[in-house]
Amino acid sequence: MRICLTSLSLCVLCALHARAGTIDFTPTEGTRTLEGVVFKQLLFHQDGQTITYEPPRGWTCTGDSSGMRLISTETSQAQAILQEKALPAPQVLDEATMKELQQLSLAAVPGNATNSALVAEEKSPLKIHQQGTYGVTVSYNLAGQDYEANDLFVNLNNLQLHLRTVARKADFGKVLREVRGSLFSLAWQ
């Protein structure tokens, strides 16, 4: 009986630890002021900490406990989705992991798309919360339109953040710059 209770307690602790550290992306609005200029911020929460984020200008944001979605109000068919995934243990972005992430990016192309291809990969195009990142860009055709999508991955201890930015190929460079530029504003308080 004691072994059963100890095993059960261990399972409960492991489950709680795996869930600990997740980010609640339900946004609340805030502002910051710099030299008299007021900037709109979104506030998220993780284990009692506040995370601040300034979305790109001209983008709307919705979110819930599992992720957030950005939609451009100026560029049609442009969006970015940020989600998190619990990792069983900290994960190193080594060659094997990068190959898995490339396959994940290709698998995320819509099923009815054609001509999907891996276009580029980037090792640490930027740092998030002092951690290196890995980026994968894929292209595809959907309903006669050419699209590109970039998946940016960052591992924060036992949590992986995955940002997928999608736009028509003609708009992709501009859209990716806007979304990536906004990531520099992510700050854990």
C-alpha atoms as a PDB file:
ATOM      1  CA  MET A   1       0.000   0.000   0.000  1.00  0.00           C
ATOM      2  CA  ARG A   2       2.817   2.395   0.880  1.00  0.00           C
ATOM      3  CA  ILE A   3       4.547   1.702  -2.470  1.00  0.00           C
ATOM      4  CA  CYS A   4       1.258   2.420  -4.291  1.00  0.00           C
ATOM      5  CA  LEU A   5       0.819   5.761  -2.503  1.00  0.00           C
ATOM      6  CA  THR A   6       4.447   6.713  -3.120  1.00  0.00           C
ATOM      7  CA  SER A   7       4.107   5.829  -6.812  1.00  0.00           C
ATOM      8  CA  LEU A   8       0.854   7.760  -7.055  1.00  0.00           C
ATOM      9  CA  SER A   9       2.421  10.770  -5.315  1.00  0.00           C
ATOM     10  CA  LEU A  10       5.379  10.624  -7.700  1.00  0.00           C
ATOM     11  CA  CYS A  11       3.039  10.502 -10.730  1.00  0.00           C
ATOM     12  CA  VAL A  12       1.074  13.498  -9.438  1.00  0.00           C
ATOM     13  CA  LEU A  13       4.273  15.481  -8.812  1.00  0.00           C
ATOM     14  CA  CYS A  14       5.574  14.644 -12.298  1.00  0.00           C
ATOM     15  CA  ALA A  15       2.284  15.735 -13.863  1.00  0.00           C
ATOM     16  CA  LEU A  16       2.332  19.003 -11.919  1.00  0.00           C
ATOM     17  CA  HIS A  17       5.957  19.637 -12.877  1.00  0.00           C
ATOM     18  CA  ALA A  18       5.210  18.982 -16.548  1.00  0.00           C
ATOM     19  CA  ARG A  19       2.384  21.539 -16.402  1.00  0.00           C
ATOM     20  CA  ALA A  20       4.366  24.065 -14.346  1.00  0.00           C
ATOM     21  CA  GLY A  21       5.848  26.846 -16.363  1.00  0.00           C
ATOM     22  CA  THR A  22       3.173  27.039 -19.045  1.00  0.00           C
ATOM     23  CA  ILE A  23       2.217  30.464 -20.316  1.00  0.00           C
ATOM     24  CA  ASP A  24      -1.345  31.759 -20.241  1.00  0.00           C
ATOM     25  CA  PHE A  25      -1.629  33.731 -23.486  1.00  0.00           C
ATOM     26  CA  THR A  26      -4.976  35.286 -22.541  1.00  0.00           C
ATOM     27  CA  PRO A  27      -4.004  38.908 -23.209  1.00  0.00           C
ATOM     28  CA  THR A  28      -4.711  41.824 -20.947  1.00  0.00           C
ATOM     29  CA  GLU A  29      -3.910  45.298 -22.205  1.00  0.00           C
ATOM     30  CA  GLY A  30      -1.233  47.524 -20.798  1.00  0.00           C
ATOM     31  CA  THR A  31       0.986  50.388 -21.892  1.00  0.00           C
ATOM     32  CA  ARG A  32       4.509  51.612 -21.477  1.00  0.00           C
ATOM     33  CA  THR A  33       5.776  55.130 -22.029  1.00  0.00           C
ATOM     34  CA  LEU A  34       9.158  56.002 -23.474  1.00  0.00           C
ATOM     35  CA  GLU A  35      10.146  59.661 -23.887  1.00  0.00           C
ATOM     36  CA  GLY A  36       6.496  60.703 -23.922  1.00  0.00           C
ATOM     37  CA  VAL A  37       5.437  58.105 -26.501  1.00  0.00           C
ATOM     38  CA  VAL A  38       2.853  55.565 -25.308  1.00  0.00           C
ATOM     39  CA  PHE A  39       3.211  52.000 -26.599  1.00  0.00           C
ATOM     40  CA  LYS A  40       0.404  49.444 -26.429  1.00  0.00           C
ATOM     41  CA  GLN A  41       1.454  46.232 -24.684  1.00  0.00           C
ATOM     42  CA  LEU A  42      -0.171  42.888 -24.125  1.00  0.00           C
ATOM     43  CA  LEU A  43       0.395  41.133 -20.813  1.00  0.00           C
ATOM     44  CA  PHE A  44       0.573  37.351 -20.432  1.00  0.00           C
ATOM     45  CA  HIS A  45       1.264  35.300 -17.311  1.00  0.00           C
ATOM     46  CA  GLN A  46       3.555  32.433 -16.364  1.00  0.00           C
ATOM     47  CA  ASP A  47       3.932  31.115 -12.814  1.00  0.00           C
ATOM     48  CA  GLY A  48       3.092  34.464 -11.216  1.00  0.00           C
ATOM     49  CA  GLN A  49       5.349  36.394 -13.602  1.00  0.00           C
ATOM     50  CA  THR A  50       4.087  38.883 -16.146  1.00  0.00           C
ATOM     51  CA  ILE A  51       5.300  38.683 -19.737  1.00  0.00           C
ATOM     52  CA  THR A  52       4.987  41.875 -21.769  1.00  0.00           C
ATOM     53  CA  TYR A  53       4.681  41.926 -25.547  1.00  0.00           C
ATOM     54  CA  GLU A  54       4.164  44.683 -28.102  1.00  0.00           C
ATOM     55  CA  PRO A  55       2.413  43.316 -31.202  1.00  0.00           C
ATOM     56  CA  PRO A  56       3.310  44.756 -34.595  1.00  0.00           C
ATOM     57  CA  ARG A  57       1.418  47.922 -35.537  1.00  0.00           C
ATOM     58  CA  GLY A  58      -1.635  47.115 -37.609  1.00  0.00           C
ATOM     59  CA  TRP A  59      -2.043  43.616 -36.169  1.00  0.00           C
ATOM     60  CA  THR A  60      -4.808  42.321 -33.891  1.00  0.00           C
ATOM     61  CA  CYS A  61      -4.194  39.727 -31.213  1.00  0.00           C
ATOM     62  CA  THR A  62      -6.394  37.103 -29.613  1.00  0.00           C
ATOM     63  CA  GLY A  63      -5.272  34.482 -27.156  1.00  0.00           C
ATOM     64  CA  ASP A  64      -6.225  31.903 -24.588  1.00  0.00           C
ATOM     65  CA  SER A  65      -4.482  29.616 -22.142  1.00  0.00           C
ATOM     66  CA  SER A  66      -2.706  27.658 -24.897  1.00  0.00           C
ATOM     67  CA  GLY A  67      -1.593  30.236 -27.450  1.00  0.00           C
ATOM     68  CA  MET A  68      -2.099  33.507 -29.287  1.00  0.00           C
ATOM     69  CA  ARG A  69      -2.999  34.482 -32.818  1.00  0.00           C
ATOM     70  CA  LEU A  70      -1.912  37.641 -34.618  1.00  0.00           C
ATOM     71  CA  ILE A  71      -3.748  38.792 -37.745  1.00  0.00           C
ATOM     72  CA  SER A  72      -2.613  41.660 -39.940  1.00  0.00           C
ATOM     73  CA  THR A  73      -5.266  44.282 -40.590  1.00  0.00           C
ATOM     74  CA  GLU A  74      -3.174  45.746 -43.423  1.00  0.00           C
ATOM     75  CA  THR A  75      -2.037  42.643 -45.333  1.00  0.00           C
ATOM     76  CA  SER A  76      -4.664  40.091 -46.274  1.00  0.00           C
ATOM     77  CA  GLN A  77      -4.019  36.419 -45.565  1.00  0.00           C
ATOM     78  CA  ALA A  78      -1.171  37.169 -43.160  1.00  0.00           C
ATOM     79  CA  GLN A  79      -1.156  35.679 -39.690  1.00  0.00           C
ATOM     80  CA  ALA A  80       1.077  34.350 -36.947  1.00  0.00           C
ATOM     81  CA  ILE A  81       0.208  31.746 -34.328  1.00  0.00           C
ATOM     82  CA  LEU A  82       2.252  31.246 -31.160  1.00  0.00           C
ATOM     83  CA  GLN A  83       1.734  28.011 -29.254  1.00  0.00           C
ATOM     84  CA  GLU A  84       3.544  26.186 -26.508  1.00  0.00           C
ATOM     85  CA  LYS A  85       4.299  22.547 -25.960  1.00  0.00           C
ATOM     86  CA  ALA A  86       5.480  20.915 -22.764  1.00  0.00           C
ATOM     87  CA  LEU A  87       8.709  18.965 -23.213  1.00  0.00           C
ATOM     88  CA  PRO A  88       9.387  15.854 -21.118  1.00  0.00           C
ATOM     89  CA  ALA A  89      12.894  17.198 -20.476  1.00  0.00           C
ATOM     90  CA  PRO A  90      14.982  20.143 -21.669  1.00  0.00           C
ATOM     91  CA  GLN A  91      15.714  19.702 -25.379  1.00  0.00           C
ATOM     92  CA  VAL A  92      18.881  20.724 -27.184  1.00  0.00           C
ATOM     93  CA  LEU A  93      18.519  22.123 -30.702  1.00  0.00           C
ATOM     94  CA  ASP A  94      20.952  19.609 -32.205  1.00  0.00           C
ATOM     95  CA  GLU A  95      20.968  18.180 -35.751  1.00  0.00           C
ATOM     96  CA  ALA A  96      18.477  15.404 -34.939  1.00  0.00           C
ATOM     97  CA  THR A  97      16.051  17.841 -33.297  1.00  0.00           C
ATOM     98  CA  MET A  98      16.379  20.285 -36.193  1.00  0.00           C
ATOM     99  CA  LYS A  99      15.533  17.509 -38.687  1.00  0.00           C
ATOM    100  CA  GLU A 100      12.418  16.684 -36.627  1.00  0.00           C
ATOM    101  CA  LEU A 101      11.400  20.351 -36.609  1.00  0.00           C
ATOM    102  CA  GLN A 102      11.870  20.572 -40.393  1.00  0.00           C
ATOM    103  CA  GLN A 103       9.525  17.602 -40.811  1.00  0.00           C
ATOM    104  CA  LEU A 104       7.036  19.204 -38.422  1.00  0.00           C
ATOM    105  CA  SER A 105       7.078  22.373 -40.546  1.00  0.00           C
ATOM    106  CA  LEU A 106       6.464  20.450 -43.755  1.00  0.00           C
ATOM    107  CA  ALA A 107       3.693  18.420 -42.098  1.00  0.00           C
ATOM    108  CA  ALA A 108       1.931  21.664 -41.085  1.00  0.00           C
ATOM    109  CA  VAL A 109       1.406  22.650 -44.737  1.00  0.00           C
ATOM    110  CA  PRO A 110      -2.329  22.393 -45.522  1.00  0.00           C
ATOM    111  CA  GLY A 111      -3.244  18.937 -46.810  1.00  0.00           C
ATOM    112  CA  ASN A 112      -4.724  20.231 -50.057  1.00  0.00           C
ATOM    113  CA  ALA A 113      -1.657  22.364 -50.879  1.00  0.00           C
ATOM    114  CA  THR A 114       0.690  21.474 -53.723  1.00  0.00           C
ATOM    115  CA  ASN A 115       4.386  22.020 -54.448  1.00  0.00           C
ATOM    116  CA  SER A 116       5.432  22.150 -50.796  1.00  0.00           C
ATOM    117  CA  ALA A 117       9.159  22.536 -50.250  1.00  0.00           C
ATOM    118  CA  LEU A 118      11.683  23.391 -47.571  1.00  0.00           C
ATOM    119  CA  VAL A 119      13.048  26.823 -48.534  1.00  0.00           C
ATOM    120  CA  ALA A 120      15.451  27.721 -45.712  1.00  0.00           C
ATOM    121  CA  GLU A 121      16.586  26.988 -42.190  1.00  0.00           C
ATOM    122  CA  GLU A 122      18.129  29.414 -39.706  1.00  0.00           C
ATOM    123  CA  LYS A 123      20.081  28.590 -36.582  1.00  0.00           C
ATOM    124  CA  SER A 124      19.443  31.220 -33.901  1.00  0.00           C
ATOM    125  CA  PRO A 125      18.057  34.038 -36.048  1.00  0.00           C
ATOM    126  CA  LEU A 126      17.241  35.764 -32.734  1.00  0.00           C
ATOM    127  CA  LYS A 127      17.187  35.045 -29.012  1.00  0.00           C
ATOM    128  CA  ILE A 128      14.061  34.834 -26.892  1.00  0.00           C
ATOM    129  CA  HIS A 129      14.425  35.010 -23.115  1.00  0.00           C
ATOM    130  CA  GLN A 130      18.189  34.548 -23.631  1.00  0.00           C
ATOM    131  CA  GLN A 131      17.704  31.263 -25.518  1.00  0.00           C
ATOM    132  CA  GLY A 132      18.714  30.429 -29.072  1.00  0.00           C
ATOM    133  CA  THR A 133      16.049  29.751 -31.680  1.00  0.00           C
ATOM    134  CA  TYR A 134      15.669  27.673 -34.815  1.00  0.00           C
ATOM    135  CA  GLY A 135      13.730  28.786 -37.887  1.00  0.00           C
ATOM    136  CA  VAL A 136      12.368  26.800 -40.829  1.00  0.00           C
ATOM    137  CA  THR A 137      10.745  28.338 -43.920  1.00  0.00           C
ATOM    138  CA  VAL A 138       8.552  26.307 -46.270  1.00  0.00           C
ATOM    139  CA  SER A 139       6.682  27.256 -49.432  1.00  0.00           C
ATOM    140  CA  TYR A 140       3.526  25.842 -51.000  1.00  0.00           C
ATOM    141  CA  ASN A 141       0.676  26.610 -53.380  1.00  0.00           C
ATOM    142  CA  LEU A 142      -2.906  26.681 -52.127  1.00  0.00           C
ATOM    143  CA  ALA A 143      -5.926  27.489 -54.301  1.00  0.00           C
ATOM    144  CA  GLY A 144      -3.710  29.035 -56.974  1.00  0.00           C
ATOM    145  CA  GLN A 145      -1.838  31.285 -54.498  1.00  0.00           C
ATOM    146  CA  ASP A 146       1.821  30.891 -53.527  1.00  0.00           C
ATOM    147  CA  TYR A 147       2.465  31.026 -49.768  1.00  0.00           C
ATOM    148  CA  GLU A 148       5.435  30.872 -47.454  1.00  0.00           C
ATOM    149  CA  ALA A 149       5.420  29.911 -43.805  1.00  0.00           C
ATOM    150  CA  ASN A 150       8.132  30.284 -41.208  1.00  0.00           C
ATOM    151  CA  ASP A 151       8.255  28.214 -38.039  1.00  0.00           C
ATOM    152  CA  LEU A 152      10.386  29.630 -35.241  1.00  0.00           C
ATOM    153  CA  PHE A 153      11.129  27.351 -32.292  1.00  0.00           C
ATOM    154  CA  VAL A 154      12.634  28.203 -28.905  1.00  0.00           C
ATOM    155  CA  ASN A 155      13.095  25.834 -25.984  1.00  0.00           C
ATOM    156  CA  LEU A 156      12.669  27.381 -22.543  1.00  0.00           C
ATOM    157  CA  ASN A 157      13.632  24.609 -20.134  1.00  0.00           C
ATOM    158  CA  ASN A 158      10.722  22.122 -20.340  1.00  0.00           C
ATOM    159  CA  LEU A 159       8.610  24.324 -22.608  1.00  0.00           C
ATOM    160  CA  GLN A 160       8.861  24.826 -26.363  1.00  0.00           C
ATOM    161  CA  LEU A 161       7.414  27.940 -27.972  1.00  0.00           C
ATOM    162  CA  HIS A 162       6.470  27.582 -31.639  1.00  0.00           C
ATOM    163  CA  LEU A 163       5.641  30.645 -33.731  1.00  0.00           C
ATOM    164  CA  ARG A 164       4.225  29.993 -37.210  1.00  0.00           C
ATOM    165  CA  THR A 165       4.053  33.014 -39.531  1.00  0.00           C
ATOM    166  CA  VAL A 166       2.153  32.581 -42.816  1.00  0.00           C
ATOM    167  CA  ALA A 167       1.584  34.973 -45.720  1.00  0.00           C
ATOM    168  CA  ARG A 168       1.291  35.052 -49.472  1.00  0.00           C
ATOM    169  CA  LYS A 169       4.742  34.790 -51.016  1.00  0.00           C
ATOM    170  CA  ALA A 170       4.620  38.378 -52.333  1.00  0.00           C
ATOM    171  CA  ASP A 171       4.027  39.710 -48.789  1.00  0.00           C
ATOM    172  CA  PHE A 172       6.034  37.177 -46.817  1.00  0.00           C
ATOM    173  CA  GLY A 173       9.288  39.113 -46.325  1.00  0.00           C
ATOM    174  CA  LYS A 174       7.481  42.185 -44.970  1.00  0.00           C
ATOM    175  CA  VAL A 175       5.174  40.116 -42.763  1.00  0.00           C
ATOM    176  CA  LEU A 176       8.035  38.054 -41.313  1.00  0.00           C
ATOM    177  CA  ARG A 177      10.040  41.221 -40.515  1.00  0.00           C
ATOM    178  CA  GLU A 178       7.038  42.735 -38.711  1.00  0.00           C
ATOM    179  CA  VAL A 179       6.336  39.627 -36.638  1.00  0.00           C
ATOM    180  CA  ARG A 180       9.977  38.893 -35.837  1.00  0.00           C
ATOM    181  CA  GLY A 181      10.618  42.530 -34.986  1.00  0.00           C
ATOM    182  CA  SER A 182       7.848  42.404 -32.414  1.00  0.00           C
ATOM    183  CA  LEU A 183       9.482  39.423 -30.691  1.00  0.00           C
ATOM    184  CA  PHE A 184      12.258  41.683 -29.407  1.00  0.00           C
ATOM    185  CA  SER A 185       9.638  43.241 -27.131  1.00  0.00           C
ATOM    186  CA  LEU A 186       8.918  39.951 -25.298  1.00  0.00           C
ATOM    187  CA  ALA A 187      10.048  40.500 -21.714  1.00  0.00           C
ATOM    188  CA  TRP A 188       9.619  38.409 -18.577  1.00  0.00           C
ATOM    189  CA  GLN A 189       9.061  40.754 -15.598  1.00  0.00           C
END
